[in-house]
Amino acid sequence: MIEIPSDLHPDLVPLAFLLGNWAGAGVSDFPGAEKCNFGQEVTFSHDGRDFLEYVSHSWVLDAEGNQVKPLESESGYWRIDKDRKVEIVMVRDQGIVEVWYGELAKQKPQIDVVTDAVARTAASGPYSGGKRLYGYVNSDLMWVGEKSTPDVELRPYMSAHLKKVVTPEQVAEMARGLGDLPDDGIAFFK
């Protein structure tokens, strides 16, 4: 279920499906880098202004699903205008700053964005730009990213399936809202 916080800036209501803490796993595969499974934690938050704050951390997973080492971290700000045009400013730990533009699909919670500008530090690896697709599917957040370098044409390199994370504070709030439950629990389902 998508909840719209009462203090969410009105312009951001179409992006409310992104809000919250998400966690899951995916696959990373790009020429010149080791193919791997990865874990990811993503947070979309707001403070009442006209943007969502975005933070993502991912790490390589071993065959048993244990964290091995950090993979990528990125953070940024997402905005949307009245015509459903989305803009993102993002900074990545590899020394890359990106400006992304795209749009929110009509009648479904799906966002397509593509890089418009890329700036790199001397320490960053080769990178020319990318595309991403984010979608809210059956209460989960899924995304796929494509990237290009001067030597590799635009191609998929990462994708993940993330589930909403419930914090202890949210559990406590849900418990307060339950009221009195039957002692045996079975009557609750009748």
C-alpha atoms as a PDB file:
ATOM      1  CA  MET A   1       0.000   0.000   0.000  1.00  0.00           C
ATOM      2  CA  ILE A   2       1.270   3.447  -0.876  1.00  0.00           C
ATOM      3  CA  GLU A   3       1.001   5.965   1.940  1.00  0.00           C
ATOM      4  CA  ILE A   4       1.190   9.701   1.354  1.00  0.00           C
ATOM      5  CA  PRO A   5       2.648  11.532   4.375  1.00  0.00           C
ATOM      6  CA  SER A   6       0.673  14.626   5.369  1.00  0.00           C
ATOM      7  CA  ASP A   7       3.831  16.758   5.305  1.00  0.00           C
ATOM      8  CA  LEU A   8       4.941  15.603   1.825  1.00  0.00           C
ATOM      9  CA  HIS A   9       5.378  18.534  -0.545  1.00  0.00           C
ATOM     10  CA  PRO A  10       2.349  18.469  -2.911  1.00  0.00           C
ATOM     11  CA  ASP A  11       4.577  18.305  -6.018  1.00  0.00           C
ATOM     12  CA  LEU A  12       6.011  14.986  -4.784  1.00  0.00           C
ATOM     13  CA  VAL A  13       2.743  13.063  -4.414  1.00  0.00           C
ATOM     14  CA  PRO A  14       3.322  11.206  -7.738  1.00  0.00           C
ATOM     15  CA  LEU A  15       6.639   9.914  -6.312  1.00  0.00           C
ATOM     16  CA  ALA A  16       5.203   8.805  -2.943  1.00  0.00           C
ATOM     17  CA  PHE A  17       5.548   5.136  -3.960  1.00  0.00           C
ATOM     18  CA  LEU A  18       9.336   5.521  -3.622  1.00  0.00           C
ATOM     19  CA  LEU A  19       9.284   6.721  -0.002  1.00  0.00           C
ATOM     20  CA  GLY A  20      10.745   4.503   2.674  1.00  0.00           C
ATOM     21  CA  ASN A  21      13.559   2.091   3.329  1.00  0.00           C
ATOM     22  CA  TRP A  22      14.083  -0.711   0.833  1.00  0.00           C
ATOM     23  CA  ALA A  23      16.392  -3.748   0.887  1.00  0.00           C
ATOM     24  CA  GLY A  24      17.021  -6.629  -1.453  1.00  0.00           C
ATOM     25  CA  ALA A  25      19.412  -8.206  -3.893  1.00  0.00           C
ATOM     26  CA  GLY A  26      20.403  -8.081  -7.516  1.00  0.00           C
ATOM     27  CA  VAL A  27      22.980  -8.923 -10.164  1.00  0.00           C
ATOM     28  CA  SER A  28      25.865  -6.827 -11.480  1.00  0.00           C
ATOM     29  CA  ASP A  29      27.554  -7.668 -14.792  1.00  0.00           C
ATOM     30  CA  PHE A  30      29.626  -5.330 -16.973  1.00  0.00           C
ATOM     31  CA  PRO A  31      32.686  -5.937 -19.183  1.00  0.00           C
ATOM     32  CA  GLY A  32      35.893  -5.393 -17.241  1.00  0.00           C
ATOM     33  CA  ALA A  33      34.239  -5.963 -13.856  1.00  0.00           C
ATOM     34  CA  GLU A  34      33.551  -9.156 -11.955  1.00  0.00           C
ATOM     35  CA  LYS A  35      30.001 -10.460 -12.371  1.00  0.00           C
ATOM     36  CA  CYS A  36      28.401 -10.787  -8.939  1.00  0.00           C
ATOM     37  CA  ASN A  37      25.258 -10.938  -6.878  1.00  0.00           C
ATOM     38  CA  PHE A  38      24.829  -7.925  -4.642  1.00  0.00           C
ATOM     39  CA  GLY A  39      22.772  -6.777  -1.696  1.00  0.00           C
ATOM     40  CA  GLN A  40      21.341  -3.284  -1.603  1.00  0.00           C
ATOM     41  CA  GLU A  41      19.732  -0.881   0.854  1.00  0.00           C
ATOM     42  CA  VAL A  42      17.950   2.209  -0.499  1.00  0.00           C
ATOM     43  CA  THR A  43      16.224   5.045   1.321  1.00  0.00           C
ATOM     44  CA  PHE A  44      13.938   7.665  -0.196  1.00  0.00           C
ATOM     45  CA  SER A  45      13.021  10.352   2.344  1.00  0.00           C
ATOM     46  CA  HIS A  46      11.665  13.898   2.426  1.00  0.00           C
ATOM     47  CA  ASP A  47      11.757  16.918   4.711  1.00  0.00           C
ATOM     48  CA  GLY A  48       8.768  18.849   3.357  1.00  0.00           C
ATOM     49  CA  ARG A  49      10.661  20.599   0.575  1.00  0.00           C
ATOM     50  CA  ASP A  50      10.106  19.879  -3.139  1.00  0.00           C
ATOM     51  CA  PHE A  51      12.553  16.960  -3.485  1.00  0.00           C
ATOM     52  CA  LEU A  52      13.125  13.412  -2.289  1.00  0.00           C
ATOM     53  CA  GLU A  53      16.489  12.580  -0.805  1.00  0.00           C
ATOM     54  CA  TYR A  54      17.940   9.308  -2.123  1.00  0.00           C
ATOM     55  CA  VAL A  55      20.704   7.175  -0.571  1.00  0.00           C
ATOM     56  CA  SER A  56      21.838   3.756  -1.810  1.00  0.00           C
ATOM     57  CA  HIS A  57      24.498   1.344  -0.569  1.00  0.00           C
ATOM     58  CA  SER A  58      25.284  -1.979  -2.222  1.00  0.00           C
ATOM     59  CA  TRP A  59      27.779  -4.724  -1.494  1.00  0.00           C
ATOM     60  CA  VAL A  60      29.029  -7.915  -3.138  1.00  0.00           C
ATOM     61  CA  LEU A  61      27.436 -11.113  -1.797  1.00  0.00           C
ATOM     62  CA  ASP A  62      29.086 -14.535  -1.645  1.00  0.00           C
ATOM     63  CA  ALA A  63      27.312 -17.775  -2.650  1.00  0.00           C
ATOM     64  CA  GLU A  64      25.665 -17.987   0.787  1.00  0.00           C
ATOM     65  CA  GLY A  65      24.381 -14.396   0.637  1.00  0.00           C
ATOM     66  CA  ASN A  66      26.933 -12.944   3.068  1.00  0.00           C
ATOM     67  CA  GLN A  67      28.373  -9.464   2.544  1.00  0.00           C
ATOM     68  CA  VAL A  68      31.885  -9.666   1.099  1.00  0.00           C
ATOM     69  CA  LYS A  69      32.820  -6.043   0.296  1.00  0.00           C
ATOM     70  CA  PRO A  70      31.220  -2.716  -0.679  1.00  0.00           C
ATOM     71  CA  LEU A  71      30.132  -2.421  -4.319  1.00  0.00           C
ATOM     72  CA  GLU A  72      28.658   1.052  -4.917  1.00  0.00           C
ATOM     73  CA  SER A  73      27.224   3.933  -2.933  1.00  0.00           C
ATOM     74  CA  GLU A  74      25.289   6.877  -4.316  1.00  0.00           C
ATOM     75  CA  SER A  75      23.124   9.695  -3.066  1.00  0.00           C
ATOM     76  CA  GLY A  76      21.083  12.431  -4.609  1.00  0.00           C
ATOM     77  CA  TYR A  77      17.897  14.434  -4.944  1.00  0.00           C
ATOM     78  CA  TRP A  78      14.804  13.631  -7.017  1.00  0.00           C
ATOM     79  CA  ARG A  79      12.258  16.184  -8.255  1.00  0.00           C
ATOM     80  CA  ILE A  80       9.180  15.991 -10.451  1.00  0.00           C
ATOM     81  CA  ASP A  81       7.280  18.767 -12.228  1.00  0.00           C
ATOM     82  CA  LYS A  82       3.582  19.143 -13.063  1.00  0.00           C
ATOM     83  CA  ASP A  83       4.150  17.417 -16.437  1.00  0.00           C
ATOM     84  CA  ARG A  84       5.550  14.296 -14.697  1.00  0.00           C
ATOM     85  CA  LYS A  85       9.112  15.107 -15.790  1.00  0.00           C
ATOM     86  CA  VAL A  86      11.653  13.753 -13.316  1.00  0.00           C
ATOM     87  CA  GLU A  87      15.097  15.199 -12.640  1.00  0.00           C
ATOM     88  CA  ILE A  88      17.777  13.676 -10.449  1.00  0.00           C
ATOM     89  CA  VAL A  89      21.131  14.987  -9.284  1.00  0.00           C
ATOM     90  CA  MET A  90      23.322  12.116  -8.095  1.00  0.00           C
ATOM     91  CA  VAL A  91      26.814  11.680  -6.659  1.00  0.00           C
ATOM     92  CA  ARG A  92      28.490   8.271  -6.758  1.00  0.00           C
ATOM     93  CA  ASP A  93      31.386   7.013  -4.678  1.00  0.00           C
ATOM     94  CA  GLN A  94      33.470   6.305  -7.780  1.00  0.00           C
ATOM     95  CA  GLY A  95      33.968  10.066  -8.256  1.00  0.00           C
ATOM     96  CA  ILE A  96      31.034  10.628 -10.614  1.00  0.00           C
ATOM     97  CA  VAL A  97      28.355  13.323 -10.533  1.00  0.00           C
ATOM     98  CA  GLU A  98      25.318  12.905 -12.789  1.00  0.00           C
ATOM     99  CA  VAL A  99      22.234  14.829 -13.830  1.00  0.00           C
ATOM    100  CA  TRP A 100      19.402  12.555 -14.931  1.00  0.00           C
ATOM    101  CA  TYR A 101      16.161  13.475 -16.747  1.00  0.00           C
ATOM    102  CA  GLY A 102      13.150  11.366 -17.567  1.00  0.00           C
ATOM    103  CA  GLU A 103       9.521  10.926 -16.716  1.00  0.00           C
ATOM    104  CA  LEU A 104       6.989   9.108 -14.615  1.00  0.00           C
ATOM    105  CA  ALA A 105       4.821   6.864 -16.792  1.00  0.00           C
ATOM    106  CA  LYS A 106       1.133   7.610 -17.086  1.00  0.00           C
ATOM    107  CA  GLN A 107      -1.195   5.336 -15.104  1.00  0.00           C
ATOM    108  CA  LYS A 108       1.609   3.310 -13.470  1.00  0.00           C
ATOM    109  CA  PRO A 109       4.409   3.876 -10.952  1.00  0.00           C
ATOM    110  CA  GLN A 110       7.334   3.533 -13.357  1.00  0.00           C
ATOM    111  CA  ILE A 111      10.165   6.008 -13.949  1.00  0.00           C
ATOM    112  CA  ASP A 112      12.513   6.046 -16.943  1.00  0.00           C
ATOM    113  CA  VAL A 113      15.554   8.337 -16.691  1.00  0.00           C
ATOM    114  CA  VAL A 114      18.693   8.917 -18.734  1.00  0.00           C
ATOM    115  CA  THR A 115      21.858  10.884 -17.934  1.00  0.00           C
ATOM    116  CA  ASP A 116      22.000  14.379 -19.371  1.00  0.00           C
ATOM    117  CA  ALA A 117      25.333  15.418 -17.868  1.00  0.00           C
ATOM    118  CA  VAL A 118      28.237  13.494 -16.344  1.00  0.00           C
ATOM    119  CA  ALA A 119      31.264  14.883 -14.485  1.00  0.00           C
ATOM    120  CA  ARG A 120      34.110  12.626 -13.361  1.00  0.00           C
ATOM    121  CA  THR A 121      37.101  13.060 -11.106  1.00  0.00           C
ATOM    122  CA  ALA A 122      40.554  11.945 -12.227  1.00  0.00           C
ATOM    123  CA  ALA A 123      40.269   8.897  -9.933  1.00  0.00           C
ATOM    124  CA  SER A 124      36.998   7.610 -11.428  1.00  0.00           C
ATOM    125  CA  GLY A 125      36.891   4.834 -13.971  1.00  0.00           C
ATOM    126  CA  PRO A 126      35.657   5.289 -17.527  1.00  0.00           C
ATOM    127  CA  TYR A 127      31.970   6.227 -17.701  1.00  0.00           C
ATOM    128  CA  SER A 128      29.966   8.011 -20.384  1.00  0.00           C
ATOM    129  CA  GLY A 129      26.370   7.831 -19.161  1.00  0.00           C
ATOM    130  CA  GLY A 130      23.436   5.620 -18.342  1.00  0.00           C
ATOM    131  CA  LYS A 131      19.747   4.831 -18.293  1.00  0.00           C
ATOM    132  CA  ARG A 132      17.608   3.537 -15.445  1.00  0.00           C
ATOM    133  CA  LEU A 133      14.122   2.156 -15.080  1.00  0.00           C
ATOM    134  CA  TYR A 134      12.459   2.087 -11.638  1.00  0.00           C
ATOM    135  CA  GLY A 135       9.119   0.402 -11.076  1.00  0.00           C
ATOM    136  CA  TYR A 136       6.781  -0.273  -8.175  1.00  0.00           C
ATOM    137  CA  VAL A 137       5.538  -3.828  -8.815  1.00  0.00           C
ATOM    138  CA  ASN A 138       3.336  -5.765  -6.366  1.00  0.00           C
ATOM    139  CA  SER A 139       4.476  -3.520  -3.485  1.00  0.00           C
ATOM    140  CA  ASP A 140       8.166  -4.074  -4.321  1.00  0.00           C
ATOM    141  CA  LEU A 141      10.657  -1.673  -5.887  1.00  0.00           C
ATOM    142  CA  MET A 142      12.517  -3.027  -8.904  1.00  0.00           C
ATOM    143  CA  TRP A 143      15.111  -1.299 -10.995  1.00  0.00           C
ATOM    144  CA  VAL A 144      17.487  -1.941 -13.860  1.00  0.00           C
ATOM    145  CA  GLY A 145      20.455   0.232 -14.795  1.00  0.00           C
ATOM    146  CA  GLU A 146      22.331   0.516 -18.055  1.00  0.00           C
ATOM    147  CA  LYS A 147      25.670   2.237 -18.548  1.00  0.00           C
ATOM    148  CA  SER A 148      28.200   3.036 -21.241  1.00  0.00           C
ATOM    149  CA  THR A 149      31.897   3.834 -21.324  1.00  0.00           C
ATOM    150  CA  PRO A 150      34.053   5.097 -24.179  1.00  0.00           C
ATOM    151  CA  ASP A 151      34.777   1.423 -24.999  1.00  0.00           C
ATOM    152  CA  VAL A 152      31.415  -0.234 -24.196  1.00  0.00           C
ATOM    153  CA  GLU A 153      28.088   0.763 -25.731  1.00  0.00           C
ATOM    154  CA  LEU A 154      25.079   1.331 -23.483  1.00  0.00           C
ATOM    155  CA  ARG A 155      24.080  -2.009 -21.960  1.00  0.00           C
ATOM    156  CA  PRO A 156      22.449  -3.377 -18.784  1.00  0.00           C
ATOM    157  CA  TYR A 157      24.885  -3.647 -15.873  1.00  0.00           C
ATOM    158  CA  MET A 158      22.836  -3.856 -12.641  1.00  0.00           C
ATOM    159  CA  SER A 159      19.327  -4.783 -11.595  1.00  0.00           C
ATOM    160  CA  ALA A 160      17.704  -5.409  -8.234  1.00  0.00           C
ATOM    161  CA  HIS A 161      14.477  -6.453  -6.542  1.00  0.00           C
ATOM    162  CA  LEU A 162      13.890  -4.556  -3.286  1.00  0.00           C
ATOM    163  CA  LYS A 163      11.299  -5.029  -0.558  1.00  0.00           C
ATOM    164  CA  LYS A 164      10.014  -2.392   1.848  1.00  0.00           C
ATOM    165  CA  VAL A 165      11.742  -2.554   5.230  1.00  0.00           C
ATOM    166  CA  VAL A 166       9.636  -2.043   8.315  1.00  0.00           C
ATOM    167  CA  THR A 167      11.481  -0.246  11.103  1.00  0.00           C
ATOM    168  CA  PRO A 168      10.901  -0.991  14.814  1.00  0.00           C
ATOM    169  CA  GLU A 169       9.176   2.403  15.101  1.00  0.00           C
ATOM    170  CA  GLN A 170       6.740   1.444  12.311  1.00  0.00           C
ATOM    171  CA  VAL A 171       6.008  -1.899  14.005  1.00  0.00           C
ATOM    172  CA  ALA A 172       5.249  -0.083  17.277  1.00  0.00           C
ATOM    173  CA  GLU A 173       2.930   2.318  15.454  1.00  0.00           C
ATOM    174  CA  MET A 174       1.092  -0.588  13.780  1.00  0.00           C
ATOM    175  CA  ALA A 175       0.749  -2.340  17.144  1.00  0.00           C
ATOM    176  CA  ARG A 176      -0.760   0.779  18.725  1.00  0.00           C
ATOM    177  CA  GLY A 177      -3.338   0.882  15.933  1.00  0.00           C
ATOM    178  CA  LEU A 178      -4.493  -2.720  16.365  1.00  0.00           C
ATOM    179  CA  GLY A 179      -6.586  -2.241  19.481  1.00  0.00           C
ATOM    180  CA  ASP A 180      -7.831  -5.340  21.293  1.00  0.00           C
ATOM    181  CA  LEU A 181      -7.310  -8.645  19.534  1.00  0.00           C
ATOM    182  CA  PRO A 182      -9.087 -11.890  20.436  1.00  0.00           C
ATOM    183  CA  ASP A 183      -7.143 -14.082  22.891  1.00  0.00           C
ATOM    184  CA  ASP A 184      -7.003 -17.109  20.599  1.00  0.00           C
ATOM    185  CA  GLY A 185      -6.120 -15.171  17.440  1.00  0.00           C
ATOM    186  CA  ILE A 186      -8.343 -17.425  15.304  1.00  0.00           C
ATOM    187  CA  ALA A 187     -11.439 -15.272  15.826  1.00  0.00           C
ATOM    188  CA  PHE A 188      -9.522 -12.432  14.162  1.00  0.00           C
ATOM    189  CA  PHE A 189      -9.848 -14.260  10.809  1.00  0.00           C
ATOM    190  CA  LYS A 190     -13.548 -15.154  11.090  1.00  0.00           C
END
